[in-house]
Structure formats: structure tokens, C-alpha cells
C-alpha atoms as a PDB file:
ATOM      1  CA  MET A   1      93.761  92.476  89.989  1.00  0.00           C
ATOM      2  CA  LEU A   2      91.713  93.335  93.063  1.00  0.00           C
ATOM      3  CA  ASP A   3      93.458  93.230  96.430  1.00  0.00           C
ATOM      4  CA  SER A   4      91.609  90.630  98.503  1.00  0.00           C
ATOM      5  CA  ARG A   5      93.511  91.273 101.726  1.00  0.00           C
ATOM      6  CA  GLU A   6      91.479  92.577 104.658  1.00  0.00           C
ATOM      7  CA  LEU A   7      92.160  96.124 105.849  1.00  0.00           C
ATOM      8  CA  ALA A   8      93.166  96.278 109.514  1.00  0.00           C
ATOM      9  CA  HIS A   9      93.586  98.787 112.344  1.00  0.00           C
ATOM     10  CA  GLU A  10      96.868  99.687 114.011  1.00  0.00           C
ATOM     11  CA  VAL A  11      98.096 101.348 117.198  1.00  0.00           C
ATOM     12  CA  GLU A  12     101.243 103.495 117.133  1.00  0.00           C
ATOM     13  CA  VAL A  13     102.715 104.747 120.410  1.00  0.00           C
ATOM     14  CA  TYR A  14     104.874 107.858 120.929  1.00  0.00           C
ATOM     15  CA  ASN A  15     106.651 108.716 124.175  1.00  0.00           C
ATOM     16  CA  ARG A  16     107.343 112.464 123.948  1.00  0.00           C
ATOM     17  CA  GLU A  17     108.581 112.623 127.543  1.00  0.00           C
ATOM     18  CA  LYS A  18     112.291 112.670 128.371  1.00  0.00           C
ATOM     19  CA  ILE A  19     112.134 109.561 130.600  1.00  0.00           C
ATOM     20  CA  ALA A  20     111.278 105.928 129.882  1.00  0.00           C
ATOM     21  CA  ARG A  21     107.610 104.983 130.234  1.00  0.00           C
ATOM     22  CA  THR A  22     105.509 101.843 129.969  1.00  0.00           C
ATOM     23  CA  LEU A  23     102.151 102.199 128.255  1.00  0.00           C
ATOM     24  CA  SER A  24      99.552  99.429 128.370  1.00  0.00           C
ATOM     25  CA  VAL A  25      97.055  99.690 125.507  1.00  0.00           C
ATOM     26  CA  THR A  26      93.822  97.687 125.215  1.00  0.00           C
ATOM     27  CA  VAL A  27      91.245  98.033 122.444  1.00  0.00           C
ATOM     28  CA  THR A  28      87.765  96.529 122.807  1.00  0.00           C
ATOM     29  CA  ASN A  29      84.602  96.338 120.739  1.00  0.00           C
ATOM     30  CA  ASP A  30      80.998  97.173 121.644  1.00  0.00           C
ATOM     31  CA  GLY A  31      80.541  93.808 123.371  1.00  0.00           C
ATOM     32  CA  GLY A  32      83.650  94.303 125.520  1.00  0.00           C
ATOM     33  CA  ASP A  33      85.687  91.736 123.567  1.00  0.00           C
ATOM     34  CA  GLU A  34      89.415  92.465 123.482  1.00  0.00           C
ATOM     35  CA  LEU A  35      90.610  93.122 119.929  1.00  0.00           C
ATOM     36  CA  TYR A  36      94.145  94.250 120.818  1.00  0.00           C
ATOM     37  CA  GLN A  37      96.292  94.343 123.941  1.00  0.00           C
ATOM     38  CA  ARG A  38      99.946  95.221 124.239  1.00  0.00           C
ATOM     39  CA  GLU A  39     102.382  96.739 126.693  1.00  0.00           C
ATOM     40  CA  PHE A  40     104.962  99.133 125.254  1.00  0.00           C
ATOM     41  CA  THR A  41     108.130 100.093 127.145  1.00  0.00           C
ATOM     42  CA  LEU A  42     109.704 103.085 125.444  1.00  0.00           C
ATOM     43  CA  GLU A  43     112.762 105.132 126.290  1.00  0.00           C
ATOM     44  CA  GLY A  44     112.286 108.902 126.344  1.00  0.00           C
ATOM     45  CA  GLU A  45     111.596 110.559 122.970  1.00  0.00           C
ATOM     46  CA  ARG A  46     110.963 107.196 121.267  1.00  0.00           C
ATOM     47  CA  ALA A  47     108.103 105.668 119.295  1.00  0.00           C
ATOM     48  CA  GLU A  48     106.854 102.275 118.230  1.00  0.00           C
ATOM     49  CA  GLU A  49     105.224 102.200 114.826  1.00  0.00           C
ATOM     50  CA  ASP A  50     104.397  99.280 112.508  1.00  0.00           C
ATOM     51  CA  THR A  51     102.745  97.353 115.344  1.00  0.00           C
ATOM     52  CA  GLU A  52     100.619  94.229 114.948  1.00  0.00           C
ATOM     53  CA  PRO A  53      97.490  94.925 112.891  1.00  0.00           C
ATOM     54  CA  PHE A  54      94.087  93.818 114.164  1.00  0.00           C
ATOM     55  CA  THR A  55      90.586  93.527 112.745  1.00  0.00           C
ATOM     56  CA  GLY A  56      87.131  94.023 114.164  1.00  0.00           C
ATOM     57  CA  SER A  57      85.080  97.072 115.090  1.00  0.00           C
ATOM     58  CA  PRO A  58      86.906  98.930 117.858  1.00  0.00           C
ATOM     59  CA  THR A  59      84.829 101.193 120.084  1.00  0.00           C
ATOM     60  CA  THR A  60      87.025 101.784 123.158  1.00  0.00           C
ATOM     61  CA  ILE A  61      90.733 102.281 123.837  1.00  0.00           C
ATOM     62  CA  THR A  62      92.173 102.075 127.332  1.00  0.00           C
ATOM     63  CA  VAL A  63      95.681 103.368 128.110  1.00  0.00           C
ATOM     64  CA  ALA A  64      97.580 103.044 131.389  1.00  0.00           C
ATOM     65  CA  VAL A  65     100.941 104.757 131.938  1.00  0.00           C
ATOM     66  CA  ASP A  66     103.418 102.866 134.119  1.00  0.00           C
ATOM     67  CA  ASN A  67     101.305 101.419 136.949  1.00  0.00           C
ATOM     68  CA  GLY A  68      98.807 104.295 136.940  1.00  0.00           C
ATOM     69  CA  SER A  69      95.058 104.136 136.623  1.00  0.00           C
ATOM     70  CA  PRO A  70      93.836 103.312 133.122  1.00  0.00           C
ATOM     71  CA  SER A  71      92.198 106.042 131.065  1.00  0.00           C
ATOM     72  CA  GLU A  72      89.321 104.888 128.839  1.00  0.00           C
ATOM     73  CA  ARG A  73      88.291 106.740 125.682  1.00  0.00           C
ATOM     74  CA  SER A  74      86.096 106.159 122.673  1.00  0.00           C
ATOM     75  CA  TRP A  75      87.858 104.919 119.535  1.00  0.00           C
ATOM     76  CA  PRO A  76      88.032 108.028 117.325  1.00  0.00           C
ATOM     77  CA  GLU A  77      86.169 108.384 114.041  1.00  0.00           C
ATOM     78  CA  THR A  78      88.790 108.267 111.291  1.00  0.00           C
ATOM     79  CA  ASN A  79      86.734 109.057 108.156  1.00  0.00           C
ATOM     80  CA  CYS A  80      89.662 107.808 106.063  1.00  0.00           C
ATOM     81  CA  GLU A  81      87.540 107.035 103.004  1.00  0.00           C
ATOM     82  CA  ASP A  82      86.212 110.623 103.028  1.00  0.00           C
ATOM     83  CA  ARG A  83      89.836 111.767 102.791  1.00  0.00           C
ATOM     84  CA  GLY A  84      90.545 109.447  99.870  1.00  0.00           C
ATOM     85  CA  LYS A  85      92.574 106.965 101.931  1.00  0.00           C
ATOM     86  CA  LYS A  86      92.235 103.190 101.714  1.00  0.00           C
ATOM     87  CA  SER A  87      92.360 102.443 105.430  1.00  0.00           C
ATOM     88  CA  ALA A  88      90.383 100.817 108.245  1.00  0.00           C
ATOM     89  CA  GLY A  89      91.718 103.611 110.468  1.00  0.00           C
ATOM     90  CA  GLY A  90      94.156 103.421 113.314  1.00  0.00           C
ATOM     91  CA  ILE A  91      95.326 105.541 116.197  1.00  0.00           C
ATOM     92  CA  GLY A  92      98.427 107.226 117.467  1.00  0.00           C
ATOM     93  CA  VAL A  93      98.839 107.322 121.247  1.00  0.00           C
ATOM     94  CA  TYR A  94     100.981 110.285 122.304  1.00  0.00           C
ATOM     95  CA  LEU A  95     102.363 110.718 125.816  1.00  0.00           C
ATOM     96  CA  THR A  96     103.583 114.210 126.691  1.00  0.00           C
ATOM     97  CA  ALA A  97     104.581 115.842 129.974  1.00  0.00           C
ATOM     98  CA  GLU A  98     102.300 118.804 129.217  1.00  0.00           C
ATOM     99  CA  SER A  99      99.040 117.068 128.335  1.00  0.00           C
ATOM    100  CA  GLY A 100      99.375 113.403 129.326  1.00  0.00           C
ATOM    101  CA  VAL A 101      97.874 110.817 126.962  1.00  0.00           C
ATOM    102  CA  GLN A 102      96.466 112.097 123.663  1.00  0.00           C
ATOM    103  CA  ILE A 103      94.745 109.944 121.022  1.00  0.00           C
ATOM    104  CA  GLU A 104      94.908 110.908 117.320  1.00  0.00           C
ATOM    105  CA  PRO A 105      93.274 109.037 114.424  1.00  0.00           C
ATOM    106  CA  THR A 106      95.503 107.806 111.587  1.00  0.00           C
ATOM    107  CA  CYS A 107      94.760 106.590 108.068  1.00  0.00           C
ATOM    108  CA  ALA A 108      97.706 104.378 107.132  1.00  0.00           C
ATOM    109  CA  THR A 109      96.878 101.471 104.843  1.00  0.00           C
ATOM    110  CA  VAL A 110      97.449  98.338 106.930  1.00  0.00           C
ATOM    111  CA  TYR A 111      96.370  94.780 106.142  1.00  0.00           C
ATOM    112  CA  ALA A 112      95.571  91.855 108.429  1.00  0.00           C
ATOM    113  CA  GLU A 113      98.353  89.297 108.442  1.00  0.00           C
END
């Protein structure tokens, strides 16, 4: 039987700092429409995975730490299919004391709810 569920994107957030942080994450498409928005409050050395999936064609991710200025980046190319993964592609947002906010593509298989 073919799986008729729609593949979706996800955002996972990792606070690698030793203190609690609040990260505000917004994902938009080419037209500026908001596809995903969530605020994460994480204790030091904690993560939030298995977040709400979303669909659409993301092009930009904006991350603000605590009440700081937001940092805008292009949604990364995931190339999941080229790696043999059934995935729409997601991202991991990593906050570290050494390098600030880092964005990494992920290829977990996630479906729209």
C-alpha cells in the first residue's frame, strides 16, 4: 500500500549553552508568508525535538535569541532524496557560546498531521 500522507518539514532546537535561553524561530516562504513560528525556552544543555511539522516551500528562517536582534538566513538545501532519505527536509537550530546560532539541514521522515 502506498503511503498517502504528505511529507512535512520540522525544526529542532538545541541549546548548547550552560544557561537558559529563549529562541524565537520563524520560517517563511518566497512570498513572505509565515509557514512556522514558535518560541522555545530551553534550560542549558537541552533540546526540543519532535516539534510540530509544517508544509509549504520554506525559503527563509529567522532566529532571535532572548530579546536580541533576529538573524535571517536562507533555508538550507537538504538534498534528502539524493541521500536515499524519504524526507521533505528539516533543520536543526544550534545555539553555542562559541559560534552563536548555527543552522544544519536534517532528513528525518516527518508527515503533516
